[in-house]
Amino acid sequence: MKRSAKAIWQGDLKSGSGVLSVESGAFTGPYSFTSRFEEGTGTNPEELIGAAHAGCFSMALSGDLSKAGYTVDEIQTEAQVSMEKGEGGFGITKIKLISKARVRDISMEEFSKYASGAKKNCPVSKALAAVEVELEAHLLKGS
């Protein structure tokens, strides 16, 4: 299985612009220096890494919980991707996953165990192993 995405960039770094798209056609969006390093309009690679990580983690957690016999009603995960400038230039320094889930008949202790496992074992987490990943997992009432 292979998945692909494409980036087109035109112009120099600061005044140029580009478009990011995914093979499936589900997403196409503009990006620029200001959308990446300032507060400009458009997306950026780090935001897309966050979306990929949040989606992967949520699916992995759902799969692990379901396999263990729990009923998952909903998992919402936000990935906060931190980028900082260091000696070698900019780099992703940390990703914080904030997950809120509604799962029937599970204790917080048991839920935390599965959340930690999903954080460690989802394919995107494995691909991002060089980056510190912090997890904040919440079990919502009504679960």
C-alpha atoms as a PDB file:
ATOM      1  CA  MET A   1       0.000   0.000   0.000  1.00  0.00           C
ATOM      2  CA  LYS A   2       1.301   3.436  -0.921  1.00  0.00           C
ATOM      3  CA  ARG A   3      -0.289   6.805  -0.332  1.00  0.00           C
ATOM      4  CA  SER A   4       0.928  10.021  -1.892  1.00  0.00           C
ATOM      5  CA  ALA A   5       0.631  13.759  -1.600  1.00  0.00           C
ATOM      6  CA  LYS A   6       2.015  16.526  -3.759  1.00  0.00           C
ATOM      7  CA  ALA A   7       3.411  19.993  -3.201  1.00  0.00           C
ATOM      8  CA  ILE A   8       3.864  22.656  -5.846  1.00  0.00           C
ATOM      9  CA  TRP A   9       5.885  25.745  -4.881  1.00  0.00           C
ATOM     10  CA  GLN A  10       6.360  28.799  -7.064  1.00  0.00           C
ATOM     11  CA  GLY A  11       8.735  31.655  -6.325  1.00  0.00           C
ATOM     12  CA  ASP A  12      11.227  32.366  -3.596  1.00  0.00           C
ATOM     13  CA  LEU A  13      10.829  31.321   0.040  1.00  0.00           C
ATOM     14  CA  LYS A  14       9.354  34.511   1.494  1.00  0.00           C
ATOM     15  CA  SER A  15       7.148  35.819  -1.324  1.00  0.00           C
ATOM     16  CA  GLY A  16       6.380  32.551  -3.110  1.00  0.00           C
ATOM     17  CA  SER A  17       3.368  30.353  -2.616  1.00  0.00           C
ATOM     18  CA  GLY A  18       2.249  26.831  -3.215  1.00  0.00           C
ATOM     19  CA  VAL A  19      -0.460  24.231  -3.139  1.00  0.00           C
ATOM     20  CA  LEU A  20      -0.540  20.990  -1.160  1.00  0.00           C
ATOM     21  CA  SER A  21      -2.799  18.173  -2.294  1.00  0.00           C
ATOM     22  CA  VAL A  22      -3.469  14.541  -1.530  1.00  0.00           C
ATOM     23  CA  GLU A  23      -3.789  11.770  -4.074  1.00  0.00           C
ATOM     24  CA  SER A  24      -7.396  10.924  -3.151  1.00  0.00           C
ATOM     25  CA  GLY A  25      -8.532  14.455  -3.967  1.00  0.00           C
ATOM     26  CA  ALA A  26      -9.981  14.848  -0.470  1.00  0.00           C
ATOM     27  CA  PHE A  27      -7.773  17.869   0.265  1.00  0.00           C
ATOM     28  CA  THR A  28      -6.112  20.625  -1.729  1.00  0.00           C
ATOM     29  CA  GLY A  29      -4.978  23.807  -0.025  1.00  0.00           C
ATOM     30  CA  PRO A  30      -2.699  26.795  -0.444  1.00  0.00           C
ATOM     31  CA  TYR A  31       0.405  27.356   1.676  1.00  0.00           C
ATOM     32  CA  SER A  32       2.964  30.110   1.961  1.00  0.00           C
ATOM     33  CA  PHE A  33       5.755  31.454   4.138  1.00  0.00           C
ATOM     34  CA  THR A  34       3.215  33.392   6.196  1.00  0.00           C
ATOM     35  CA  SER A  35       0.890  30.404   6.680  1.00  0.00           C
ATOM     36  CA  ARG A  36       3.850  28.372   7.872  1.00  0.00           C
ATOM     37  CA  PHE A  37       5.968  30.738   9.936  1.00  0.00           C
ATOM     38  CA  GLU A  38       3.534  33.545  10.780  1.00  0.00           C
ATOM     39  CA  GLU A  39      -0.271  33.764  10.974  1.00  0.00           C
ATOM     40  CA  GLY A  40      -1.117  33.899   7.267  1.00  0.00           C
ATOM     41  CA  THR A  41      -4.021  32.288   5.469  1.00  0.00           C
ATOM     42  CA  GLY A  42      -3.595  28.741   4.242  1.00  0.00           C
ATOM     43  CA  THR A  43      -2.223  25.497   5.589  1.00  0.00           C
ATOM     44  CA  ASN A  44       1.299  24.238   6.258  1.00  0.00           C
ATOM     45  CA  PRO A  45       3.139  20.915   6.427  1.00  0.00           C
ATOM     46  CA  GLU A  46       3.108  20.863  10.242  1.00  0.00           C
ATOM     47  CA  GLU A  47      -0.664  21.276  10.390  1.00  0.00           C
ATOM     48  CA  LEU A  48      -1.056  18.351   7.997  1.00  0.00           C
ATOM     49  CA  ILE A  49       1.327  16.228  10.097  1.00  0.00           C
ATOM     50  CA  GLY A  50      -0.898  17.060  13.071  1.00  0.00           C
ATOM     51  CA  ALA A  51      -4.018  15.991  11.202  1.00  0.00           C
ATOM     52  CA  ALA A  52      -2.356  12.746  10.153  1.00  0.00           C
ATOM     53  CA  HIS A  53      -1.198  12.018  13.699  1.00  0.00           C
ATOM     54  CA  ALA A  54      -4.579  12.818  15.278  1.00  0.00           C
ATOM     55  CA  GLY A  55      -6.381  10.635  12.752  1.00  0.00           C
ATOM     56  CA  CYS A  56      -3.959   7.740  13.095  1.00  0.00           C
ATOM     57  CA  PHE A  57      -4.023   7.832  16.904  1.00  0.00           C
ATOM     58  CA  SER A  58      -7.840   7.974  17.049  1.00  0.00           C
ATOM     59  CA  MET A  59      -8.191   4.999  14.713  1.00  0.00           C
ATOM     60  CA  ALA A  60      -5.528   2.976  16.553  1.00  0.00           C
ATOM     61  CA  LEU A  61      -7.149   3.656  19.921  1.00  0.00           C
ATOM     62  CA  SER A  62     -10.588   2.736  18.586  1.00  0.00           C
ATOM     63  CA  GLY A  63      -9.222  -0.477  17.094  1.00  0.00           C
ATOM     64  CA  ASP A  64      -7.448  -1.505  20.295  1.00  0.00           C
ATOM     65  CA  LEU A  65     -10.474  -0.747  22.468  1.00  0.00           C
ATOM     66  CA  SER A  66     -12.856  -2.553  20.112  1.00  0.00           C
ATOM     67  CA  LYS A  67     -10.552  -5.567  19.945  1.00  0.00           C
ATOM     68  CA  ALA A  68     -10.633  -5.675  23.763  1.00  0.00           C
ATOM     69  CA  GLY A  69     -14.447  -5.764  23.692  1.00  0.00           C
ATOM     70  CA  TYR A  70     -15.226  -2.136  24.541  1.00  0.00           C
ATOM     71  CA  THR A  71     -17.843  -0.087  22.680  1.00  0.00           C
ATOM     72  CA  VAL A  72     -16.392   3.168  21.379  1.00  0.00           C
ATOM     73  CA  ASP A  73     -18.928   5.934  20.795  1.00  0.00           C
ATOM     74  CA  GLU A  74     -16.506   8.702  19.827  1.00  0.00           C
ATOM     75  CA  ILE A  75     -12.855   9.705  19.949  1.00  0.00           C
ATOM     76  CA  GLN A  76     -11.825  13.301  19.267  1.00  0.00           C
ATOM     77  CA  THR A  77      -8.110  14.000  19.089  1.00  0.00           C
ATOM     78  CA  GLU A  78      -6.263  17.264  18.578  1.00  0.00           C
ATOM     79  CA  ALA A  79      -2.563  17.250  17.731  1.00  0.00           C
ATOM     80  CA  GLN A  80      -0.636  20.379  18.659  1.00  0.00           C
ATOM     81  CA  VAL A  81       2.591  20.440  16.628  1.00  0.00           C
ATOM     82  CA  SER A  82       5.350  22.671  18.042  1.00  0.00           C
ATOM     83  CA  MET A  83       8.022  24.015  15.724  1.00  0.00           C
ATOM     84  CA  GLU A  84      11.012  26.021  16.929  1.00  0.00           C
ATOM     85  CA  LYS A  85      14.079  27.549  15.397  1.00  0.00           C
ATOM     86  CA  GLY A  86      17.333  26.011  16.549  1.00  0.00           C
ATOM     87  CA  GLU A  87      20.951  26.121  15.462  1.00  0.00           C
ATOM     88  CA  GLY A  88      20.243  24.015  12.381  1.00  0.00           C
ATOM     89  CA  GLY A  89      17.089  25.913  11.408  1.00  0.00           C
ATOM     90  CA  PHE A  90      13.449  25.152  12.135  1.00  0.00           C
ATOM     91  CA  GLY A  91      12.391  21.774  13.449  1.00  0.00           C
ATOM     92  CA  ILE A  92       9.369  20.033  14.909  1.00  0.00           C
ATOM     93  CA  THR A  93      10.202  19.742  18.591  1.00  0.00           C
ATOM     94  CA  LYS A  94       7.063  18.261  20.141  1.00  0.00           C
ATOM     95  CA  ILE A  95       3.591  16.968  19.386  1.00  0.00           C
ATOM     96  CA  LYS A  96       0.916  16.996  22.062  1.00  0.00           C
ATOM     97  CA  LEU A  97      -2.057  14.725  21.486  1.00  0.00           C
ATOM     98  CA  ILE A  98      -5.185  15.762  23.366  1.00  0.00           C
ATOM     99  CA  SER A  99      -7.794  13.050  23.112  1.00  0.00           C
ATOM    100  CA  LYS A 100     -11.348  12.992  24.454  1.00  0.00           C
ATOM    101  CA  ALA A 101     -13.294   9.774  24.168  1.00  0.00           C
ATOM    102  CA  ARG A 102     -16.660   8.306  24.960  1.00  0.00           C
ATOM    103  CA  VAL A 103     -16.202   4.604  25.628  1.00  0.00           C
ATOM    104  CA  ARG A 104     -18.779   2.452  27.383  1.00  0.00           C
ATOM    105  CA  ASP A 105     -18.030   0.605  30.626  1.00  0.00           C
ATOM    106  CA  ILE A 106     -14.304   1.315  30.944  1.00  0.00           C
ATOM    107  CA  SER A 107     -12.311   2.710  33.857  1.00  0.00           C
ATOM    108  CA  MET A 108      -9.964   5.651  33.429  1.00  0.00           C
ATOM    109  CA  GLU A 109      -7.037   3.404  34.358  1.00  0.00           C
ATOM    110  CA  GLU A 110      -7.914   0.887  31.646  1.00  0.00           C
ATOM    111  CA  PHE A 111      -8.594   3.639  29.105  1.00  0.00           C
ATOM    112  CA  SER A 112      -5.219   5.264  29.844  1.00  0.00           C
ATOM    113  CA  LYS A 113      -3.473   1.947  29.199  1.00  0.00           C
ATOM    114  CA  TYR A 114      -5.027   1.659  25.735  1.00  0.00           C
ATOM    115  CA  ALA A 115      -4.409   5.346  24.955  1.00  0.00           C
ATOM    116  CA  SER A 116      -0.711   4.976  25.827  1.00  0.00           C
ATOM    117  CA  GLY A 117      -0.465   1.909  23.626  1.00  0.00           C
ATOM    118  CA  ALA A 118      -2.090   3.702  20.686  1.00  0.00           C
ATOM    119  CA  LYS A 119       0.281   6.655  21.120  1.00  0.00           C
ATOM    120  CA  LYS A 120       3.252   4.319  20.966  1.00  0.00           C
ATOM    121  CA  ASN A 121       2.043   2.004  18.207  1.00  0.00           C
ATOM    122  CA  CYS A 122       0.046   3.957  15.627  1.00  0.00           C
ATOM    123  CA  PRO A 123       1.994   4.073  12.327  1.00  0.00           C
ATOM    124  CA  VAL A 124       2.302   7.875  12.342  1.00  0.00           C
ATOM    125  CA  SER A 125       3.708   7.862  15.898  1.00  0.00           C
ATOM    126  CA  LYS A 126       6.255   5.290  14.784  1.00  0.00           C
ATOM    127  CA  ALA A 127       7.205   7.445  11.785  1.00  0.00           C
ATOM    128  CA  LEU A 128       7.629  10.464  14.078  1.00  0.00           C
ATOM    129  CA  ALA A 129       9.707   8.601  16.687  1.00  0.00           C
ATOM    130  CA  ALA A 130      12.392  11.326  16.667  1.00  0.00           C
ATOM    131  CA  VAL A 131       9.873  13.832  18.059  1.00  0.00           C
ATOM    132  CA  GLU A 132       8.698  13.984  21.681  1.00  0.00           C
ATOM    133  CA  VAL A 133       5.008  13.047  21.809  1.00  0.00           C
ATOM    134  CA  GLU A 134       2.978  13.947  24.880  1.00  0.00           C
ATOM    135  CA  LEU A 135      -0.481  12.478  25.494  1.00  0.00           C
ATOM    136  CA  GLU A 136      -3.364  13.980  27.435  1.00  0.00           C
ATOM    137  CA  ALA A 137      -6.231  11.476  27.453  1.00  0.00           C
ATOM    138  CA  HIS A 138      -9.717  12.248  28.796  1.00  0.00           C
ATOM    139  CA  LEU A 139     -12.611   9.862  29.278  1.00  0.00           C
ATOM    140  CA  LEU A 140     -15.796  11.907  28.906  1.00  0.00           C
ATOM    141  CA  LYS A 141     -18.876  11.463  31.101  1.00  0.00           C
ATOM    142  CA  GLY A 142     -21.676   9.454  29.674  1.00  0.00           C
ATOM    143  CA  SER A 143     -19.250   6.725  28.670  1.00  0.00           C
END
